[in-house]
Amino acid sequence: MCPDVFEAIKNMVQSLIDDEPKPPLHIGEAMTCWLFIALVGRQSSTIL
């Protein structure tokens, strides 16, 4: 294998491993997640 392939694999693995801490969700993001879960749950219960 050529060095470029090893470099690409190394970069891919480093992009998957993220040591930087994530900030908490913004209240708008959390509200949208809960709304999505509620709507999906409601739709799946009406199908059955």
PDB file of N, CA and C in Angstrom:
ATOM      1  N   MET A   1       0.848  -1.178   0.000  1.00  0.00           N
ATOM      2  CA  MET A   1       0.000   0.000   0.000  1.00  0.00           C
ATOM      3  C   MET A   1       0.896   1.244   0.000  1.00  0.00           C
ATOM      4  N   CYS A   2       0.426   2.250  -0.638  1.00  0.00           N
ATOM      5  CA  CYS A   2       1.227   3.473  -0.696  1.00  0.00           C
ATOM      6  C   CYS A   2       0.968   4.333   0.545  1.00  0.00           C
ATOM      7  N   PRO A   3       1.877   5.242   0.866  1.00  0.00           N
ATOM      8  CA  PRO A   3       1.724   6.076   2.081  1.00  0.00           C
ATOM      9  C   PRO A   3       0.450   6.908   2.101  1.00  0.00           C
ATOM     10  N   ASP A   4      -0.076   7.268   0.929  1.00  0.00           N
ATOM     11  CA  ASP A   4      -1.300   8.069   0.898  1.00  0.00           C
ATOM     12  C   ASP A   4      -2.490   7.297   1.469  1.00  0.00           C
ATOM     13  N   VAL A   5      -2.520   6.000   1.240  1.00  0.00           N
ATOM     14  CA  VAL A   5      -3.612   5.178   1.763  1.00  0.00           C
ATOM     15  C   VAL A   5      -3.528   5.128   3.289  1.00  0.00           C
ATOM     16  N   PHE A   6      -2.320   4.940   3.820  1.00  0.00           N
ATOM     17  CA  PHE A   6      -2.157   4.927   5.268  1.00  0.00           C
ATOM     18  C   PHE A   6      -2.545   6.271   5.884  1.00  0.00           C
ATOM     19  N   GLU A   7      -2.178   7.338   5.219  1.00  0.00           N
ATOM     20  CA  GLU A   7      -2.523   8.682   5.704  1.00  0.00           C
ATOM     21  C   GLU A   7      -4.040   8.872   5.698  1.00  0.00           C
ATOM     22  N   ALA A   8      -4.703   8.401   4.660  1.00  0.00           N
ATOM     23  CA  ALA A   8      -6.160   8.519   4.574  1.00  0.00           C
ATOM     24  C   ALA A   8      -6.834   7.714   5.674  1.00  0.00           C
ATOM     25  N   ILE A   9      -6.336   6.502   5.927  1.00  0.00           N
ATOM     26  CA  ILE A   9      -6.913   5.663   6.982  1.00  0.00           C
ATOM     27  C   ILE A   9      -6.692   6.313   8.345  1.00  0.00           C
ATOM     28  N   LYS A  10      -5.494   6.859   8.571  1.00  0.00           N
ATOM     29  CA  LYS A  10      -5.191   7.526   9.840  1.00  0.00           C
ATOM     30  C   LYS A  10      -6.114   8.728  10.051  1.00  0.00           C
ATOM     31  N   ASN A  11      -6.329   9.517   8.991  1.00  0.00           N
ATOM     32  CA  ASN A  11      -7.217  10.685   9.093  1.00  0.00           C
ATOM     33  C   ASN A  11      -8.656  10.273   9.368  1.00  0.00           C
ATOM     34  N   MET A  12      -9.099   9.166   8.757  1.00  0.00           N
ATOM     35  CA  MET A  12     -10.467   8.700   8.962  1.00  0.00           C
ATOM     36  C   MET A  12     -10.669   8.255  10.406  1.00  0.00           C
ATOM     37  N   VAL A  13      -9.704   7.517  10.940  1.00  0.00           N
ATOM     38  CA  VAL A  13      -9.816   7.045  12.323  1.00  0.00           C
ATOM     39  C   VAL A  13      -9.782   8.231  13.281  1.00  0.00           C
ATOM     40  N   GLN A  14      -8.930   9.203  13.034  1.00  0.00           N
ATOM     41  CA  GLN A  14      -8.863  10.378  13.902  1.00  0.00           C
ATOM     42  C   GLN A  14     -10.157  11.185  13.857  1.00  0.00           C
ATOM     43  N   SER A  15     -10.831  11.199  12.706  1.00  0.00           N
ATOM     44  CA  SER A  15     -12.088  11.936  12.629  1.00  0.00           C
ATOM     45  C   SER A  15     -13.196  11.231  13.410  1.00  0.00           C
ATOM     46  N   LEU A  16     -13.099   9.900  13.566  1.00  0.00           N
ATOM     47  CA  LEU A  16     -14.099   9.159  14.329  1.00  0.00           C
ATOM     48  C   LEU A  16     -13.879   9.290  15.831  1.00  0.00           C
ATOM     49  N   ILE A  17     -12.621   9.494  16.237  1.00  0.00           N
ATOM     50  CA  ILE A  17     -12.281   9.634  17.646  1.00  0.00           C
ATOM     51  C   ILE A  17     -12.190  11.126  17.956  1.00  0.00           C
ATOM     52  N   ASP A  18     -13.157  11.612  18.705  1.00  0.00           N
ATOM     53  CA  ASP A  18     -13.222  13.032  19.021  1.00  0.00           C
ATOM     54  C   ASP A  18     -13.117  13.210  20.530  1.00  0.00           C
ATOM     55  N   ASP A  19     -12.007  13.775  20.990  1.00  0.00           N
ATOM     56  CA  ASP A  19     -11.799  13.972  22.425  1.00  0.00           C
ATOM     57  C   ASP A  19     -12.343  15.306  22.922  1.00  0.00           C
ATOM     58  N   GLU A  20     -12.811  16.145  22.024  1.00  0.00           N
ATOM     59  CA  GLU A  20     -13.310  17.459  22.423  1.00  0.00           C
ATOM     60  C   GLU A  20     -14.687  17.319  23.067  1.00  0.00           C
ATOM     61  N   PRO A  21     -14.878  17.897  24.255  1.00  0.00           N
ATOM     62  CA  PRO A  21     -16.183  17.773  24.911  1.00  0.00           C
ATOM     63  C   PRO A  21     -17.267  18.521  24.135  1.00  0.00           C
ATOM     64  N   LYS A  22     -18.444  17.936  24.120  1.00  0.00           N
ATOM     65  CA  LYS A  22     -19.570  18.530  23.396  1.00  0.00           C
ATOM     66  C   LYS A  22     -20.367  19.431  24.333  1.00  0.00           C
ATOM     67  N   PRO A  23     -20.819  20.589  23.849  1.00  0.00           N
ATOM     68  CA  PRO A  23     -21.672  21.437  24.687  1.00  0.00           C
ATOM     69  C   PRO A  23     -23.070  20.813  24.816  1.00  0.00           C
ATOM     70  N   PRO A  24     -23.775  21.133  25.883  1.00  0.00           N
ATOM     71  CA  PRO A  24     -25.126  20.580  26.032  1.00  0.00           C
ATOM     72  C   PRO A  24     -26.053  21.121  24.933  1.00  0.00           C
ATOM     73  N   LEU A  25     -27.145  20.402  24.696  1.00  0.00           N
ATOM     74  CA  LEU A  25     -28.104  20.829  23.688  1.00  0.00           C
ATOM     75  C   LEU A  25     -28.737  22.165  24.063  1.00  0.00           C
ATOM     76  N   HIS A  26     -28.971  22.978  23.074  1.00  0.00           N
ATOM     77  CA  HIS A  26     -29.714  24.222  23.260  1.00  0.00           C
ATOM     78  C   HIS A  26     -31.170  23.844  23.497  1.00  0.00           C
ATOM     79  N   ILE A  27     -31.905  24.634  24.224  1.00  0.00           N
ATOM     80  CA  ILE A  27     -33.295  24.299  24.556  1.00  0.00           C
ATOM     81  C   ILE A  27     -34.151  24.132  23.301  1.00  0.00           C
ATOM     82  N   GLY A  28     -33.861  24.896  22.256  1.00  0.00           N
ATOM     83  CA  GLY A  28     -34.606  24.748  21.003  1.00  0.00           C
ATOM     84  C   GLY A  28     -34.337  23.413  20.344  1.00  0.00           C
ATOM     85  N   GLU A  29     -33.083  22.951  20.407  1.00  0.00           N
ATOM     86  CA  GLU A  29     -32.746  21.642  19.840  1.00  0.00           C
ATOM     87  C   GLU A  29     -33.419  20.531  20.633  1.00  0.00           C
ATOM     88  N   ALA A  30     -33.401  20.639  21.951  1.00  0.00           N
ATOM     89  CA  ALA A  30     -34.035  19.626  22.787  1.00  0.00           C
ATOM     90  C   ALA A  30     -35.544  19.594  22.542  1.00  0.00           C
ATOM     91  N   MET A  31     -36.167  20.768  22.419  1.00  0.00           N
ATOM     92  CA  MET A  31     -37.603  20.832  22.176  1.00  0.00           C
ATOM     93  C   MET A  31     -37.958  20.190  20.839  1.00  0.00           C
ATOM     94  N   THR A  32     -37.137  20.429  19.821  1.00  0.00           N
ATOM     95  CA  THR A  32     -37.387  19.838  18.508  1.00  0.00           C
ATOM     96  C   THR A  32     -37.245  18.326  18.563  1.00  0.00           C
ATOM     97  N   CYS A  33     -36.264  17.825  19.318  1.00  0.00           N
ATOM     98  CA  CYS A  33     -36.101  16.376  19.456  1.00  0.00           C
ATOM     99  C   CYS A  33     -37.322  15.747  20.118  1.00  0.00           C
ATOM    100  N   TRP A  34     -37.816  16.365  21.196  1.00  0.00           N
ATOM    101  CA  TRP A  34     -38.987  15.834  21.889  1.00  0.00           C
ATOM    102  C   TRP A  34     -40.227  15.894  21.001  1.00  0.00           C
ATOM    103  N   LEU A  35     -40.352  16.958  20.224  1.00  0.00           N
ATOM    104  CA  LEU A  35     -41.492  17.067  19.310  1.00  0.00           C
ATOM    105  C   LEU A  35     -41.440  15.962  18.258  1.00  0.00           C
ATOM    106  N   PHE A  36     -40.268  15.712  17.700  1.00  0.00           N
ATOM    107  CA  PHE A  36     -40.108  14.649  16.708  1.00  0.00           C
ATOM    108  C   PHE A  36     -40.465  13.292  17.310  1.00  0.00           C
ATOM    109  N   ILE A  37     -39.954  13.015  18.522  1.00  0.00           N
ATOM    110  CA  ILE A  37     -40.249  11.732  19.165  1.00  0.00           C
ATOM    111  C   ILE A  37     -41.751  11.592  19.418  1.00  0.00           C
ATOM    112  N   ALA A  38     -42.392  12.674  19.849  1.00  0.00           N
ATOM    113  CA  ALA A  38     -43.829  12.627  20.117  1.00  0.00           C
ATOM    114  C   ALA A  38     -44.619  12.372  18.834  1.00  0.00           C
ATOM    115  N   LEU A  39     -44.235  13.035  17.750  1.00  0.00           N
ATOM    116  CA  LEU A  39     -44.958  12.855  16.491  1.00  0.00           C
ATOM    117  C   LEU A  39     -44.744  11.464  15.905  1.00  0.00           C
ATOM    118  N   VAL A  40     -43.541  10.963  15.978  1.00  0.00           N
ATOM    119  CA  VAL A  40     -43.264   9.620  15.463  1.00  0.00           C
ATOM    120  C   VAL A  40     -44.005   8.581  16.291  1.00  0.00           C
ATOM    121  N   GLY A  41     -44.002   8.741  17.605  1.00  0.00           N
ATOM    122  CA  GLY A  41     -44.729   7.814  18.471  1.00  0.00           C
ATOM    123  C   GLY A  41     -46.217   7.853  18.215  1.00  0.00           C
ATOM    124  N   ARG A  42     -46.729   9.033  17.968  1.00  0.00           N
ATOM    125  CA  ARG A  42     -48.161   9.173  17.695  1.00  0.00           C
ATOM    126  C   ARG A  42     -48.539   8.512  16.374  1.00  0.00           C
ATOM    127  N   GLN A  43     -47.702   8.696  15.370  1.00  0.00           N
ATOM    128  CA  GLN A  43     -47.975   8.099  14.062  1.00  0.00           C
ATOM    129  C   GLN A  43     -47.880   6.579  14.119  1.00  0.00           C
ATOM    130  N   SER A  44     -46.899   6.065  14.828  1.00  0.00           N
ATOM    131  CA  SER A  44     -46.749   4.600  14.887  1.00  0.00           C
ATOM    132  C   SER A  44     -47.885   3.966  15.667  1.00  0.00           C
ATOM    133  N   SER A  45     -48.454   4.659  16.634  1.00  0.00           N
ATOM    134  CA  SER A  45     -49.556   4.082  17.403  1.00  0.00           C
ATOM    135  C   SER A  45     -50.860   4.109  16.613  1.00  0.00           C
ATOM    136  N   THR A  46     -51.001   5.053  15.669  1.00  0.00           N
ATOM    137  CA  THR A  46     -52.212   5.099  14.864  1.00  0.00           C
ATOM    138  C   THR A  46     -52.179   4.091  13.728  1.00  0.00           C
ATOM    139  N   ILE A  47     -50.986   3.653  13.339  1.00  0.00           N
ATOM    140  CA  ILE A  47     -50.858   2.672  12.259  1.00  0.00           C
ATOM    141  C   ILE A  47     -51.272   1.299  12.757  1.00  0.00           C
ATOM    142  N   LEU A  48     -50.933   0.976  14.022  1.00  0.00           N
ATOM    143  CA  LEU A  48     -51.213  -0.350  14.559  1.00  0.00           C
ATOM    144  C   LEU A  48     -52.629  -0.522  14.920  1.00  0.00           C
TER     145      LEU A  48
END
